[in-house]
Amino acid sequence: MIMESPLPKTQSNNDLQEFLSGFNSDSEVVKILNKIGVRPSKGLGQNFLIDTSVSESIVDALNIDDNDTIVEIGPGLGALTRYLIGKVKKLVLVEYDRRIYEYLRDVLSGVDGVEVFHQDAVNFDVRPFYAEDAVKVIGNLPYSCGTEIIRNFLTFPSPVDSAVFMLQKEVVNRFCAVPRTKSYGLLTVITCAYWNVERLQDLTFQPFTPKPAVDSAVLRFSPCDSDKYPPFNQRVLKRIVKCGFHERRKQLKKRLPLGDTDWSELCKAMDLQETARAEELSINEWINMARFIDDNPLKDNPQMGNELFDVVDEDDRVVEQMERSHVHSEGLLHRAVHVFVFNKVGDLYLQKRSVLKDSSPGLWDSSASGHLDVSEEYHCAAIRELSEELGISLEVNLICSIKPSENTGWEFVRLYRCEHNGPFNLPYSEIAGGGFFPIAMIGEWVRERPEDFASGFIKCLNSYVD
């Protein structure tokens, strides 16, 4: 359970000023730790940064703006925090140690724009940050769980725009590795398929107290441009990379879950040696292999402009058939379905549309949606769209009917619902990714950032909650 501080306005200005002025010696840190009753824990990775020049350089690397929401993971005694307060729209501090959390809560009480949470960053719910304009993450991460924290905050799709982290040097080497090196592996491929990773600086044990036994380095993560790699299925990529690197020196043909894929044919198509090993493949080659192995029948079938639709009149009666491109360009009335898929706790699955889509590319949308084929019934179309877009076969129940408008793209829409907990088999030509969200959270997100959503989904959501 997340615990947010009430930030009572009871702390003196002296305490805050002392916090903001910082510390630059071991003795000053020990004095504060003794005051709040904390003994540094190796298990929690509590090595406190005392070099102000390093702190400033890490914050500078994040390129903060006064409209940013900043999440700082493991703020500790505030080595980075003091350079963020008052410079951004919102500062969210996530601290695992209860006594340090209480210290931060009390010292920062009444400071505008600061929220303090007592929670493990590995399990911190990042979904509410989708409603923010720009989200950046920073932290001196504990060595024991740094990769798990990064996985929680940066796994695609993510609300994070950029991140700067200090990590154990050995882990940094894995994020920055290149093929045919010992450090190159699963972490490298899965992370760099979505993020550009820059190594900013290496650090010895000197800037910390207590002194860590290993060296550190600072990384910056920024999202890859949408055209850096071709679209792919994240689950397929992770599955084959995990299998490939499980025994990295073995030939891939002996390790990969190929299904019906012929290894010789794959190697010929990708210009690979049949004796190729996991550590020899570039990230782009891993992605192309995932695309090749993916067995989704619609993986390479984005919408076609010459697809035929039923054109209807104001009473939803079919009057003729026309090509998709013409129906859309002329704003003619036609038919569509949307399906809301809920999990067992009532969260709604949203899909993030592929950038290849001809309408609302890259935006968030209903769990599944699509046009009716010629002469197709609404109910049958809903079941078909679930199969095509999510890879599931389920019965659906009608929620409501929605009249055509500019917001629906001049579609008569019928909205259905069903229940499924996932996972889903997504065709990468249509869907980049997705996730489950509470309805209330989606409502807040839509109110704050309607530009993130396909207009037809917003109409469906409003009809569902009314």
Foldseek 3Di string as FASTA:
>chain_A
DKDKFPLAPDADPVLLVVLLVAAADQVVVVVVCVVLVDDDDLVQQPWAFRDLVVLVVLLVVQVDAQQEEEEEEACQSNSNPSVPQPGHQAYEYEHQDPSSLVSCSHNCRPRPRYMYIHDDLLPDDQLLLLLGDAYEYEYAHRAVCVLSNCCRQPQPPHSHAKYKYKYFPLLLCLCPDWFPDPSDALNNLLRVVFWDKDWDAKAAQPRTPPGDPGTITMMMIGTDDLPPADFADSVLLSQLRCQQVVPQQFFSVVGGPQPPDDLVVLCVVLVHDSRDGNRHDGSNSSRVSRLVSQPQPCQPPADDQQAKFFFADQVRHGDDIGGNVVCLVVLTEGAKEAEWEAEPVGWTKWFQWDLLHPPPHRAIAHPWMDGAHVPGDHQVRVQVRCCNAFNDGDHKAWDDWDQADVLQSNYTYTYIYDYDDDDGRGRRSTTRGIDTGHLVSVVSSCVSCVVRHRSNRVVVSVSNVD
